[in-house]
Amino acid sequence: MKDGDIHSVSVNIAEVKSGMVLAADAINPRGALLLRAGQSLNEKNIRMLKSWGVSNVLVVMDEEEDEPKEEDTAIPDDQTIEEEVRKRFAKSGDNPVMAQIMDIAIELKLKSAREKRA
């Protein structure tokens, strides 16, 4: 499919990956705008689209490989990831349960980033 100079393809929401770029606005089944064209998708966006009942989205195609284009996103270093998670938990105070949850969140985010780097 071609829209102006943008090559695009409809992708089932179950197959959408982080980093794919929307070629057209994403709307829910009732026609409400959820995300604008040009938006790079992330896990949060994808979950939101699923929760609103979106079944397919139009994504930008990589012209050379004939595959949906994934935006090149830099994966932050371990220290940055840990700092970002700690900021999110800053208001939890000295609660030992929240401290454990924060440690688990840091561990999972670091594991995910390391897998993406590999």
PDB file of N, CA and C in Angstrom:
ATOM      1  N   MET A   1       0.847  -1.170   0.000  1.00  0.00           N
ATOM      2  CA  MET A   1       0.000   0.000   0.000  1.00  0.00           C
ATOM      3  C   MET A   1       0.890   1.230   0.000  1.00  0.00           C
ATOM      4  N   LYS A   2       0.487   2.255  -0.706  1.00  0.00           N
ATOM      5  CA  LYS A   2       1.299   3.458  -0.782  1.00  0.00           C
ATOM      6  C   LYS A   2       0.431   4.666  -0.473  1.00  0.00           C
ATOM      7  N   ASP A   3       0.919   5.536   0.411  1.00  0.00           N
ATOM      8  CA  ASP A   3       0.205   6.739   0.794  1.00  0.00           C
ATOM      9  C   ASP A   3       1.157   7.906   0.585  1.00  0.00           C
ATOM     10  N   GLY A   4       1.080   8.573  -0.583  1.00  0.00           N
ATOM     11  CA  GLY A   4       2.061   9.607  -0.893  1.00  0.00           C
ATOM     12  C   GLY A   4       3.404   8.932  -1.089  1.00  0.00           C
ATOM     13  N   ASP A   5       4.417   9.375  -0.383  1.00  0.00           N
ATOM     14  CA  ASP A   5       5.736   8.756  -0.453  1.00  0.00           C
ATOM     15  C   ASP A   5       5.957   7.752   0.670  1.00  0.00           C
ATOM     16  N   ILE A   6       4.958   7.547   1.493  1.00  0.00           N
ATOM     17  CA  ILE A   6       5.107   6.631   2.625  1.00  0.00           C
ATOM     18  C   ILE A   6       4.578   5.258   2.242  1.00  0.00           C
ATOM     19  N   HIS A   7       5.425   4.256   2.340  1.00  0.00           N
ATOM     20  CA  HIS A   7       4.992   2.883   2.120  1.00  0.00           C
ATOM     21  C   HIS A   7       4.529   2.344   3.465  1.00  0.00           C
ATOM     22  N   SER A   8       3.370   1.691   3.461  1.00  0.00           N
ATOM     23  CA  SER A   8       2.831   1.230   4.724  1.00  0.00           C
ATOM     24  C   SER A   8       2.161  -0.129   4.555  1.00  0.00           C
ATOM     25  N   VAL A   9       1.916  -0.777   5.678  1.00  0.00           N
ATOM     26  CA  VAL A   9       1.256  -2.076   5.688  1.00  0.00           C
ATOM     27  C   VAL A   9       0.396  -2.164   6.937  1.00  0.00           C
ATOM     28  N   SER A  10      -0.717  -2.857   6.824  1.00  0.00           N
ATOM     29  CA  SER A  10      -1.587  -3.095   7.975  1.00  0.00           C
ATOM     30  C   SER A  10      -1.035  -4.292   8.741  1.00  0.00           C
ATOM     31  N   VAL A  11      -0.858  -4.114  10.054  1.00  0.00           N
ATOM     32  CA  VAL A  11      -0.293  -5.170  10.891  1.00  0.00           C
ATOM     33  C   VAL A  11      -1.280  -5.482  12.008  1.00  0.00           C
ATOM     34  N   ASN A  12      -1.530  -6.772  12.230  1.00  0.00           N
ATOM     35  CA  ASN A  12      -2.383  -7.199  13.329  1.00  0.00           C
ATOM     36  C   ASN A  12      -1.760  -6.744  14.638  1.00  0.00           C
ATOM     37  N   ILE A  13      -2.576  -6.243  15.543  1.00  0.00           N
ATOM     38  CA  ILE A  13      -2.076  -5.687  16.808  1.00  0.00           C
ATOM     39  C   ILE A  13      -1.249  -6.711  17.591  1.00  0.00           C
ATOM     40  N   ALA A  14      -1.543  -7.989  17.443  1.00  0.00           N
ATOM     41  CA  ALA A  14      -0.778  -9.032  18.146  1.00  0.00           C
ATOM     42  C   ALA A  14       0.652  -9.139  17.620  1.00  0.00           C
ATOM     43  N   GLU A  15       0.904  -8.618  16.413  1.00  0.00           N
ATOM     44  CA  GLU A  15       2.224  -8.711  15.808  1.00  0.00           C
ATOM     45  C   GLU A  15       2.988  -7.392  15.829  1.00  0.00           C
ATOM     46  N   VAL A  16       2.373  -6.353  16.368  1.00  0.00           N
ATOM     47  CA  VAL A  16       3.023  -5.048  16.446  1.00  0.00           C
ATOM     48  C   VAL A  16       4.140  -5.110  17.477  1.00  0.00           C
ATOM     49  N   LYS A  17       5.266  -4.458  17.171  1.00  0.00           N
ATOM     50  CA  LYS A  17       6.429  -4.453  18.064  1.00  0.00           C
ATOM     51  C   LYS A  17       6.795  -3.025  18.439  1.00  0.00           C
ATOM     52  N   SER A  18       7.421  -2.893  19.601  1.00  0.00           N
ATOM     53  CA  SER A  18       7.948  -1.587  20.005  1.00  0.00           C
ATOM     54  C   SER A  18       8.904  -1.084  18.941  1.00  0.00           C
ATOM     55  N   GLY A  19       8.828   0.211  18.671  1.00  0.00           N
ATOM     56  CA  GLY A  19       9.705   0.817  17.687  1.00  0.00           C
ATOM     57  C   GLY A  19       9.064   0.971  16.324  1.00  0.00           C
ATOM     58  N   MET A  20       7.973   0.232  16.047  1.00  0.00           N
ATOM     59  CA  MET A  20       7.275   0.425  14.779  1.00  0.00           C
ATOM     60  C   MET A  20       6.657   1.820  14.779  1.00  0.00           C
ATOM     61  N   VAL A  21       6.550   2.410  13.602  1.00  0.00           N
ATOM     62  CA  VAL A  21       6.069   3.777  13.467  1.00  0.00           C
ATOM     63  C   VAL A  21       4.726   3.766  12.744  1.00  0.00           C
ATOM     64  N   LEU A  22       3.734   4.459  13.327  1.00  0.00           N
ATOM     65  CA  LEU A  22       2.412   4.521  12.710  1.00  0.00           C
ATOM     66  C   LEU A  22       2.450   5.313  11.410  1.00  0.00           C
ATOM     67  N   ALA A  23       1.877   4.758  10.358  1.00  0.00           N
ATOM     68  CA  ALA A  23       1.785   5.439   9.069  1.00  0.00           C
ATOM     69  C   ALA A  23       0.482   6.232   8.970  1.00  0.00           C
ATOM     70  N   ALA A  24      -0.475   5.913   9.831  1.00  0.00           N
ATOM     71  CA  ALA A  24      -1.773   6.598   9.858  1.00  0.00           C
ATOM     72  C   ALA A  24      -2.231   6.686  11.302  1.00  0.00           C
ATOM     73  N   ASP A  25      -3.154   7.611  11.563  1.00  0.00           N
ATOM     74  CA  ASP A  25      -3.704   7.731  12.909  1.00  0.00           C
ATOM     75  C   ASP A  25      -4.298   6.396  13.343  1.00  0.00           C
ATOM     76  N   ALA A  26      -4.105   6.051  14.618  1.00  0.00           N
ATOM     77  CA  ALA A  26      -4.725   4.857  15.193  1.00  0.00           C
ATOM     78  C   ALA A  26      -6.014   5.298  15.871  1.00  0.00           C
ATOM     79  N   ILE A  27      -7.111   4.674  15.457  1.00  0.00           N
ATOM     80  CA  ILE A  27      -8.412   5.010  16.035  1.00  0.00           C
ATOM     81  C   ILE A  27      -9.046   3.760  16.613  1.00  0.00           C
ATOM     82  N   ASN A  28      -9.908   3.958  17.612  1.00  0.00           N
ATOM     83  CA  ASN A  28     -10.602   2.813  18.185  1.00  0.00           C
ATOM     84  C   ASN A  28     -11.808   2.468  17.305  1.00  0.00           C
ATOM     85  N   PRO A  29     -12.485   1.341  17.592  1.00  0.00           N
ATOM     86  CA  PRO A  29     -13.621   0.941  16.756  1.00  0.00           C
ATOM     87  C   PRO A  29     -14.741   1.980  16.672  1.00  0.00           C
ATOM     88  N   ARG A  30     -14.813   2.905  17.620  1.00  0.00           N
ATOM     89  CA  ARG A  30     -15.842   3.951  17.589  1.00  0.00           C
ATOM     90  C   ARG A  30     -15.373   5.210  16.863  1.00  0.00           C
ATOM     91  N   GLY A  31     -14.126   5.197  16.374  1.00  0.00           N
ATOM     92  CA  GLY A  31     -13.612   6.314  15.597  1.00  0.00           C
ATOM     93  C   GLY A  31     -12.853   7.367  16.394  1.00  0.00           C
ATOM     94  N   ALA A  32     -12.620   7.135  17.682  1.00  0.00           N
ATOM     95  CA  ALA A  32     -11.890   8.102  18.505  1.00  0.00           C
ATOM     96  C   ALA A  32     -10.383   7.975  18.243  1.00  0.00           C
ATOM     97  N   LEU A  33      -9.719   9.112  18.122  1.00  0.00           N
ATOM     98  CA  LEU A  33      -8.277   9.142  17.892  1.00  0.00           C
ATOM     99  C   LEU A  33      -7.541   8.682  19.151  1.00  0.00           C
ATOM    100  N   LEU A  34      -6.652   7.706  18.974  1.00  0.00           N
ATOM    101  CA  LEU A  34      -5.841   7.207  20.091  1.00  0.00           C
ATOM    102  C   LEU A  34      -4.393   7.665  19.967  1.00  0.00           C
ATOM    103  N   LEU A  35      -3.814   7.535  18.776  1.00  0.00           N
ATOM    104  CA  LEU A  35      -2.431   7.953  18.521  1.00  0.00           C
ATOM    105  C   LEU A  35      -2.346   8.532  17.122  1.00  0.00           C
ATOM    106  N   ARG A  36      -1.509   9.533  16.952  1.00  0.00           N
ATOM    107  CA  ARG A  36      -1.346  10.187  15.648  1.00  0.00           C
ATOM    108  C   ARG A  36      -0.309   9.475  14.783  1.00  0.00           C
ATOM    109  N   ALA A  37      -0.467   9.611  13.480  1.00  0.00           N
ATOM    110  CA  ALA A  37       0.503   9.083  12.520  1.00  0.00           C
ATOM    111  C   ALA A  37       1.879   9.660  12.841  1.00  0.00           C
ATOM    112  N   GLY A  38       2.912   8.847  12.661  1.00  0.00           N
ATOM    113  CA  GLY A  38       4.278   9.273  12.943  1.00  0.00           C
ATOM    114  C   GLY A  38       4.747   8.894  14.331  1.00  0.00           C
ATOM    115  N   GLN A  39       3.816   8.484  15.184  1.00  0.00           N
ATOM    116  CA  GLN A  39       4.143   8.087  16.563  1.00  0.00           C
ATOM    117  C   GLN A  39       4.912   6.772  16.537  1.00  0.00           C
ATOM    118  N   SER A  40       6.014   6.726  17.248  1.00  0.00           N
ATOM    119  CA  SER A  40       6.756   5.492  17.432  1.00  0.00           C
ATOM    120  C   SER A  40       6.076   4.712  18.554  1.00  0.00           C
ATOM    121  N   LEU A  41       5.757   3.455  18.297  1.00  0.00           N
ATOM    122  CA  LEU A  41       5.037   2.659  19.289  1.00  0.00           C
ATOM    123  C   LEU A  41       5.979   2.095  20.340  1.00  0.00           C
ATOM    124  N   ASN A  42       5.468   2.011  21.558  1.00  0.00           N
ATOM    125  CA  ASN A  42       6.187   1.356  22.644  1.00  0.00           C
ATOM    126  C   ASN A  42       5.222   0.386  23.314  1.00  0.00           C
ATOM    127  N   GLU A  43       5.698  -0.367  24.282  1.00  0.00           N
ATOM    128  CA  GLU A  43       4.860  -1.378  24.933  1.00  0.00           C
ATOM    129  C   GLU A  43       3.602  -0.764  25.551  1.00  0.00           C
ATOM    130  N   LYS A  44       3.738   0.411  26.139  1.00  0.00           N
ATOM    131  CA  LYS A  44       2.580   1.075  26.753  1.00  0.00           C
ATOM    132  C   LYS A  44       1.534   1.434  25.698  1.00  0.00           C
ATOM    133  N   ASN A  45       1.974   1.999  24.556  1.00  0.00           N
ATOM    134  CA  ASN A  45       1.053   2.327  23.467  1.00  0.00           C
ATOM    135  C   ASN A  45       0.337   1.080  22.965  1.00  0.00           C
ATOM    136  N   ILE A  46       1.093   0.014  22.796  1.00  0.00           N
ATOM    137  CA  ILE A  46       0.536  -1.230  22.252  1.00  0.00           C
ATOM    138  C   ILE A  46      -0.518  -1.795  23.197  1.00  0.00           C
ATOM    139  N   ARG A  47      -0.233  -1.809  24.502  1.00  0.00           N
ATOM    140  CA  ARG A  47      -1.230  -2.275  25.485  1.00  0.00           C
ATOM    141  C   ARG A  47      -2.485  -1.419  25.426  1.00  0.00           C
ATOM    142  N   MET A  48      -2.302  -0.094  25.307  1.00  0.00           N
ATOM    143  CA  MET A  48      -3.436   0.819  25.237  1.00  0.00           C
ATOM    144  C   MET A  48      -4.288   0.528  24.004  1.00  0.00           C
ATOM    145  N   LEU A  49      -3.647   0.339  22.857  1.00  0.00           N
ATOM    146  CA  LEU A  49      -4.381   0.044  21.634  1.00  0.00           C
ATOM    147  C   LEU A  49      -5.192  -1.247  21.784  1.00  0.00           C
ATOM    148  N   LYS A  50      -4.570  -2.263  22.369  1.00  0.00           N
ATOM    149  CA  LYS A  50      -5.275  -3.531  22.602  1.00  0.00           C
ATOM    150  C   LYS A  50      -6.465  -3.327  23.521  1.00  0.00           C
ATOM    151  N   SER A  51      -6.262  -2.546  24.595  1.00  0.00           N
ATOM    152  CA  SER A  51      -7.350  -2.344  25.567  1.00  0.00           C
ATOM    153  C   SER A  51      -8.525  -1.591  24.959  1.00  0.00           C
ATOM    154  N   TRP A  52      -8.287  -0.783  23.928  1.00  0.00           N
ATOM    155  CA  TRP A  52      -9.345  -0.048  23.246  1.00  0.00           C
ATOM    156  C   TRP A  52      -9.948  -0.841  22.098  1.00  0.00           C
ATOM    157  N   GLY A  53      -9.522  -2.076  21.918  1.00  0.00           N
ATOM    158  CA  GLY A  53     -10.129  -2.937  20.900  1.00  0.00           C
ATOM    159  C   GLY A  53      -9.615  -2.733  19.493  1.00  0.00           C
ATOM    160  N   VAL A  54      -8.440  -2.117  19.353  1.00  0.00           N
ATOM    161  CA  VAL A  54      -7.849  -1.935  18.023  1.00  0.00           C
ATOM    162  C   VAL A  54      -7.310  -3.292  17.562  1.00  0.00           C
ATOM    163  N   SER A  55      -7.671  -3.701  16.352  1.00  0.00           N
ATOM    164  CA  SER A  55      -7.229  -5.007  15.866  1.00  0.00           C
ATOM    165  C   SER A  55      -6.062  -4.913  14.883  1.00  0.00           C
ATOM    166  N   ASN A  56      -5.950  -3.795  14.150  1.00  0.00           N
ATOM    167  CA  ASN A  56      -4.870  -3.598  13.178  1.00  0.00           C
ATOM    168  C   ASN A  56      -4.449  -2.142  13.184  1.00  0.00           C
ATOM    169  N   VAL A  57      -3.177  -1.906  12.861  1.00  0.00           N
ATOM    170  CA  VAL A  57      -2.675  -0.550  12.682  1.00  0.00           C
ATOM    171  C   VAL A  57      -1.873  -0.505  11.394  1.00  0.00           C
ATOM    172  N   LEU A  58      -1.812   0.672  10.807  1.00  0.00           N
ATOM    173  CA  LEU A  58      -1.030   0.895   9.602  1.00  0.00           C
ATOM    174  C   LEU A  58       0.339   1.407  10.032  1.00  0.00           C
ATOM    175  N   VAL A  59       1.399   0.670   9.667  1.00  0.00           N
ATOM    176  CA  VAL A  59       2.750   1.056  10.066  1.00  0.00           C
ATOM    177  C   VAL A  59       3.609   1.327   8.843  1.00  0.00           C
ATOM    178  N   VAL A  60       4.639   2.152   9.039  1.00  0.00           N
ATOM    179  CA  VAL A  60       5.577   2.511   7.973  1.00  0.00           C
ATOM    180  C   VAL A  60       6.403   1.285   7.612  1.00  0.00           C
ATOM    181  N   MET A  61       6.563   1.080   6.301  1.00  0.00           N
ATOM    182  CA  MET A  61       7.355  -0.047   5.809  1.00  0.00           C
ATOM    183  C   MET A  61       8.785   0.390   5.543  1.00  0.00           C
ATOM    184  N   ASP A  62       9.730  -0.506   5.778  1.00  0.00           N
ATOM    185  CA  ASP A  62      11.113  -0.284   5.389  1.00  0.00           C
ATOM    186  C   ASP A  62      11.188  -0.614   3.904  1.00  0.00           C
ATOM    187  N   GLU A  63      11.458   0.377   3.071  1.00  0.00           N
ATOM    188  CA  GLU A  63      11.416   0.210   1.618  1.00  0.00           C
ATOM    189  C   GLU A  63      12.399  -0.840   1.118  1.00  0.00           C
ATOM    190  N   GLU A  64      13.567  -0.952   1.747  1.00  0.00           N
ATOM    191  CA  GLU A  64      14.588  -1.874   1.271  1.00  0.00           C
ATOM    192  C   GLU A  64      14.284  -3.315   1.629  1.00  0.00           C
ATOM    193  N   GLU A  65      13.752  -3.553   2.812  1.00  0.00           N
ATOM    194  CA  GLU A  65      13.563  -4.916   3.279  1.00  0.00           C
ATOM    195  C   GLU A  65      12.140  -5.407   3.131  1.00  0.00           C
ATOM    196  N   ASP A  66      11.203  -4.532   2.762  1.00  0.00           N
ATOM    197  CA  ASP A  66       9.797  -4.890   2.646  1.00  0.00           C
ATOM    198  C   ASP A  66       9.266  -5.445   3.970  1.00  0.00           C
ATOM    199  N   GLU A  67       9.742  -4.878   5.058  1.00  0.00           N
ATOM    200  CA  GLU A  67       9.316  -5.240   6.411  1.00  0.00           C
ATOM    201  C   GLU A  67       8.842  -3.977   7.112  1.00  0.00           C
ATOM    202  N   PRO A  68       7.950  -4.117   8.112  1.00  0.00           N
ATOM    203  CA  PRO A  68       7.583  -2.926   8.887  1.00  0.00           C
ATOM    204  C   PRO A  68       8.823  -2.303   9.510  1.00  0.00           C
ATOM    205  N   LYS A  69       8.921  -0.994   9.395  1.00  0.00           N
ATOM    206  CA  LYS A  69      10.097  -0.281   9.888  1.00  0.00           C
ATOM    207  C   LYS A  69      10.014  -0.095  11.391  1.00  0.00           C
ATOM    208  N   GLU A  70      11.092  -0.413  12.069  1.00  0.00           N
ATOM    209  CA  GLU A  70      11.195  -0.176  13.493  1.00  0.00           C
ATOM    210  C   GLU A  70      12.133   0.994  13.702  1.00  0.00           C
ATOM    211  N   GLU A  71      11.706   1.939  14.512  1.00  0.00           N
ATOM    212  CA  GLU A  71      12.522   3.113  14.777  1.00  0.00           C
ATOM    213  C   GLU A  71      13.764   2.697  15.554  1.00  0.00           C
ATOM    214  N   ASP A  72      14.896   3.264  15.153  1.00  0.00           N
ATOM    215  CA  ASP A  72      16.126   3.007  15.891  1.00  0.00           C
ATOM    216  C   ASP A  72      16.050   3.756  17.212  1.00  0.00           C
ATOM    217  N   THR A  73      15.957   3.011  18.287  1.00  0.00           N
ATOM    218  CA  THR A  73      15.878   3.640  19.595  1.00  0.00           C
ATOM    219  C   THR A  73      17.074   3.192  20.414  1.00  0.00           C
ATOM    220  N   ALA A  74      17.743   4.141  21.003  1.00  0.00           N
ATOM    221  CA  ALA A  74      18.898   3.825  21.831  1.00  0.00           C
ATOM    222  C   ALA A  74      18.420   3.201  23.134  1.00  0.00           C
ATOM    223  N   ILE A  75      19.082   2.159  23.531  1.00  0.00           N
ATOM    224  CA  ILE A  75      18.757   1.500  24.796  1.00  0.00           C
ATOM    225  C   ILE A  75      19.634   2.134  25.867  1.00  0.00           C
ATOM    226  N   PRO A  76      19.014   2.690  26.916  1.00  0.00           N
ATOM    227  CA  PRO A  76      19.813   3.372  27.945  1.00  0.00           C
ATOM    228  C   PRO A  76      20.755   2.411  28.663  1.00  0.00           C
ATOM    229  N   ASP A  77      21.828   2.970  29.214  1.00  0.00           N
ATOM    230  CA  ASP A  77      22.771   2.144  29.967  1.00  0.00           C
ATOM    231  C   ASP A  77      22.152   1.745  31.305  1.00  0.00           C
ATOM    232  N   ASP A  78      22.785   0.787  31.974  1.00  0.00           N
ATOM    233  CA  ASP A  78      22.247   0.242  33.219  1.00  0.00           C
ATOM    234  C   ASP A  78      22.038   1.314  34.288  1.00  0.00           C
ATOM    235  N   GLN A  79      22.991   2.221  34.415  1.00  0.00           N
ATOM    236  CA  GLN A  79      22.886   3.262  35.432  1.00  0.00           C
ATOM    237  C   GLN A  79      21.668   4.152  35.180  1.00  0.00           C
ATOM    238  N   THR A  80      21.442   4.527  33.931  1.00  0.00           N
ATOM    239  CA  THR A  80      20.293   5.368  33.581  1.00  0.00           C
ATOM    240  C   THR A  80      18.988   4.649  33.877  1.00  0.00           C
ATOM    241  N   ILE A  81      18.928   3.367  33.547  1.00  0.00           N
ATOM    242  CA  ILE A  81      17.726   2.581  33.817  1.00  0.00           C
ATOM    243  C   ILE A  81      17.440   2.557  35.317  1.00  0.00           C
ATOM    244  N   GLU A  82      18.459   2.286  36.106  1.00  0.00           N
ATOM    245  CA  GLU A  82      18.272   2.231  37.555  1.00  0.00           C
ATOM    246  C   GLU A  82      17.814   3.582  38.104  1.00  0.00           C
ATOM    247  N   GLU A  83      18.402   4.662  37.618  1.00  0.00           N
ATOM    248  CA  GLU A  83      18.004   6.001  38.077  1.00  0.00           C
ATOM    249  C   GLU A  83      16.548   6.295  37.727  1.00  0.00           C
ATOM    250  N   GLU A  84      16.127   5.911  36.514  1.00  0.00           N
ATOM    251  CA  GLU A  84      14.747   6.152  36.088  1.00  0.00           C
ATOM    252  C   GLU A  84      13.759   5.393  36.961  1.00  0.00           C
ATOM    253  N   VAL A  85      14.075   4.145  37.283  1.00  0.00           N
ATOM    254  CA  VAL A  85      13.174   3.349  38.135  1.00  0.00           C
ATOM    255  C   VAL A  85      13.132   3.940  39.536  1.00  0.00           C
ATOM    256  N   ARG A  86      14.282   4.315  40.080  1.00  0.00           N
ATOM    257  CA  ARG A  86      14.309   4.907  41.419  1.00  0.00           C
ATOM    258  C   ARG A  86      13.487   6.197  41.487  1.00  0.00           C
ATOM    259  N   LYS A  87      13.501   6.993  40.417  1.00  0.00           N
ATOM    260  CA  LYS A  87      12.679   8.205  40.372  1.00  0.00           C
ATOM    261  C   LYS A  87      11.202   7.865  40.473  1.00  0.00           C
ATOM    262  N   ARG A  88      10.793   6.800  39.797  1.00  0.00           N
ATOM    263  CA  ARG A  88       9.389   6.396  39.824  1.00  0.00           C
ATOM    264  C   ARG A  88       8.947   5.963  41.221  1.00  0.00           C
ATOM    265  N   PHE A  89       9.875   5.467  42.005  1.00  0.00           N
ATOM    266  CA  PHE A  89       9.554   4.979  43.343  1.00  0.00           C
ATOM    267  C   PHE A  89       9.923   5.985  44.430  1.00  0.00           C
ATOM    268  N   ALA A  90      10.319   7.175  44.044  1.00  0.00           N
ATOM    269  CA  ALA A  90      10.813   8.174  45.005  1.00  0.00           C
ATOM    270  C   ALA A  90       9.806   8.515  46.087  1.00  0.00           C
ATOM    271  N   LYS A  91       8.531   8.505  45.774  1.00  0.00           N
ATOM    272  CA  LYS A  91       7.505   8.894  46.745  1.00  0.00           C
ATOM    273  C   LYS A  91       7.049   7.741  47.637  1.00  0.00           C
ATOM    274  N   SER A  92       7.642   6.576  47.468  1.00  0.00           N
ATOM    275  CA  SER A  92       7.203   5.416  48.263  1.00  0.00           C
ATOM    276  C   SER A  92       7.820   5.395  49.657  1.00  0.00           C
ATOM    277  N   GLY A  93       8.741   6.307  49.936  1.00  0.00           N
ATOM    278  CA  GLY A  93       9.303   6.422  51.282  1.00  0.00           C
ATOM    279  C   GLY A  93      10.136   5.221  51.671  1.00  0.00           C
ATOM    280  N   ASP A  94      10.052   4.877  52.955  1.00  0.00           N
ATOM    281  CA  ASP A  94      10.855   3.784  53.502  1.00  0.00           C
ATOM    282  C   ASP A  94      10.084   2.475  53.597  1.00  0.00           C
ATOM    283  N   ASN A  95       9.012   2.362  52.873  1.00  0.00           N
ATOM    284  CA  ASN A  95       8.188   1.160  52.907  1.00  0.00           C
ATOM    285  C   ASN A  95       9.003  -0.029  52.390  1.00  0.00           C
ATOM    286  N   PRO A  96       9.217  -1.054  53.223  1.00  0.00           N
ATOM    287  CA  PRO A  96      10.059  -2.180  52.811  1.00  0.00           C
ATOM    288  C   PRO A  96       9.460  -2.990  51.653  1.00  0.00           C
ATOM    289  N   VAL A  97       8.151  -3.068  51.578  1.00  0.00           N
ATOM    290  CA  VAL A  97       7.519  -3.798  50.476  1.00  0.00           C
ATOM    291  C   VAL A  97       7.758  -3.060  49.159  1.00  0.00           C
ATOM    292  N   MET A  98       7.599  -1.734  49.187  1.00  0.00           N
ATOM    293  CA  MET A  98       7.840  -0.944  47.980  1.00  0.00           C
ATOM    294  C   MET A  98       9.310  -1.002  47.575  1.00  0.00           C
ATOM    295  N   ALA A  99      10.205  -1.092  48.556  1.00  0.00           N
ATOM    296  CA  ALA A  99      11.634  -1.219  48.252  1.00  0.00           C
ATOM    297  C   ALA A  99      11.899  -2.531  47.517  1.00  0.00           C
ATOM    298  N   GLN A 100      11.229  -3.598  47.937  1.00  0.00           N
ATOM    299  CA  GLN A 100      11.393  -4.888  47.260  1.00  0.00           C
ATOM    300  C   GLN A 100      10.824  -4.828  45.841  1.00  0.00           C
ATOM    301  N   ILE A 101       9.665  -4.192  45.695  1.00  0.00           N
ATOM    302  CA  ILE A 101       9.065  -4.057  44.372  1.00  0.00           C
ATOM    303  C   ILE A 101       9.987  -3.248  43.463  1.00  0.00           C
ATOM    304  N   MET A 102      10.575  -2.184  44.006  1.00  0.00           N
ATOM    305  CA  MET A 102      11.503  -1.370  43.230  1.00  0.00           C
ATOM    306  C   MET A 102      12.710  -2.201  42.788  1.00  0.00           C
ATOM    307  N   ASP A 103      13.261  -2.999  43.687  1.00  0.00           N
ATOM    308  CA  ASP A 103      14.408  -3.842  43.335  1.00  0.00           C
ATOM    309  C   ASP A 103      14.054  -4.818  42.219  1.00  0.00           C
ATOM    310  N   ILE A 104      12.853  -5.384  42.289  1.00  0.00           N
ATOM    311  CA  ILE A 104      12.403  -6.314  41.247  1.00  0.00           C
ATOM    312  C   ILE A 104      12.230  -5.568  39.931  1.00  0.00           C
ATOM    313  N   ALA A 105      11.648  -4.363  39.984  1.00  0.00           N
ATOM    314  CA  ALA A 105      11.454  -3.564  38.775  1.00  0.00           C
ATOM    315  C   ALA A 105      12.800  -3.236  38.123  1.00  0.00           C
ATOM    316  N   ILE A 106      13.776  -2.858  38.936  1.00  0.00           N
ATOM    317  CA  ILE A 106      15.111  -2.560  38.407  1.00  0.00           C
ATOM    318  C   ILE A 106      15.695  -3.802  37.737  1.00  0.00           C
ATOM    319  N   GLU A 107      15.596  -4.930  38.412  1.00  0.00           N
ATOM    320  CA  GLU A 107      16.131  -6.181  37.891  1.00  0.00           C
ATOM    321  C   GLU A 107      15.492  -6.542  36.544  1.00  0.00           C
ATOM    322  N   LEU A 108      14.169  -6.405  36.452  1.00  0.00           N
ATOM    323  CA  LEU A 108      13.470  -6.745  35.215  1.00  0.00           C
ATOM    324  C   LEU A 108      13.806  -5.780  34.081  1.00  0.00           C
ATOM    325  N   LYS A 109      13.871  -4.478  34.385  1.00  0.00           N
ATOM    326  CA  LYS A 109      14.211  -3.491  33.362  1.00  0.00           C
ATOM    327  C   LYS A 109      15.637  -3.716  32.849  1.00  0.00           C
ATOM    328  N   LEU A 110      16.572  -4.013  33.751  1.00  0.00           N
ATOM    329  CA  LEU A 110      17.944  -4.270  33.344  1.00  0.00           C
ATOM    330  C   LEU A 110      18.035  -5.533  32.475  1.00  0.00           C
ATOM    331  N   LYS A 111      17.316  -6.565  32.870  1.00  0.00           N
ATOM    332  CA  LYS A 111      17.320  -7.813  32.100  1.00  0.00           C
ATOM    333  C   LYS A 111      16.780  -7.555  30.684  1.00  0.00           C
ATOM    334  N   SER A 112      15.684  -6.819  30.584  1.00  0.00           N
ATOM    335  CA  SER A 112      15.091  -6.505  29.285  1.00  0.00           C
ATOM    336  C   SER A 112      16.053  -5.708  28.414  1.00  0.00           C
ATOM    337  N   ALA A 113      16.695  -4.700  28.995  1.00  0.00           N
ATOM    338  CA  ALA A 113      17.639  -3.872  28.233  1.00  0.00           C
ATOM    339  C   ALA A 113      18.833  -4.701  27.765  1.00  0.00           C
ATOM    340  N   ARG A 114      19.331  -5.568  28.623  1.00  0.00           N
ATOM    341  CA  ARG A 114      20.491  -6.391  28.247  1.00  0.00           C
ATOM    342  C   ARG A 114      20.129  -7.351  27.122  1.00  0.00           C
ATOM    343  N   GLU A 115      18.903  -7.890  27.140  1.00  0.00           N
ATOM    344  CA  GLU A 115      18.468  -8.777  26.062  1.00  0.00           C
ATOM    345  C   GLU A 115      18.369  -8.021  24.745  1.00  0.00           C
ATOM    346  N   LYS A 116      17.893  -6.779  24.797  1.00  0.00           N
ATOM    347  CA  LYS A 116      17.769  -5.972  23.582  1.00  0.00           C
ATOM    348  C   LYS A 116      19.120  -5.592  23.024  1.00  0.00           C
ATOM    349  N   ARG A 117      20.105  -5.417  23.915  1.00  0.00           N
ATOM    350  CA  ARG A 117      21.456  -5.060  23.463  1.00  0.00           C
ATOM    351  C   ARG A 117      22.152  -6.230  22.788  1.00  0.00           C
ATOM    352  N   ALA A 118      21.784  -7.443  23.206  1.00  0.00           N
ATOM    353  CA  ALA A 118      22.463  -8.651  22.685  1.00  0.00           C
ATOM    354  C   ALA A 118      22.089  -8.978  21.258  1.00  0.00           C
TER     355      ALA A 118
END
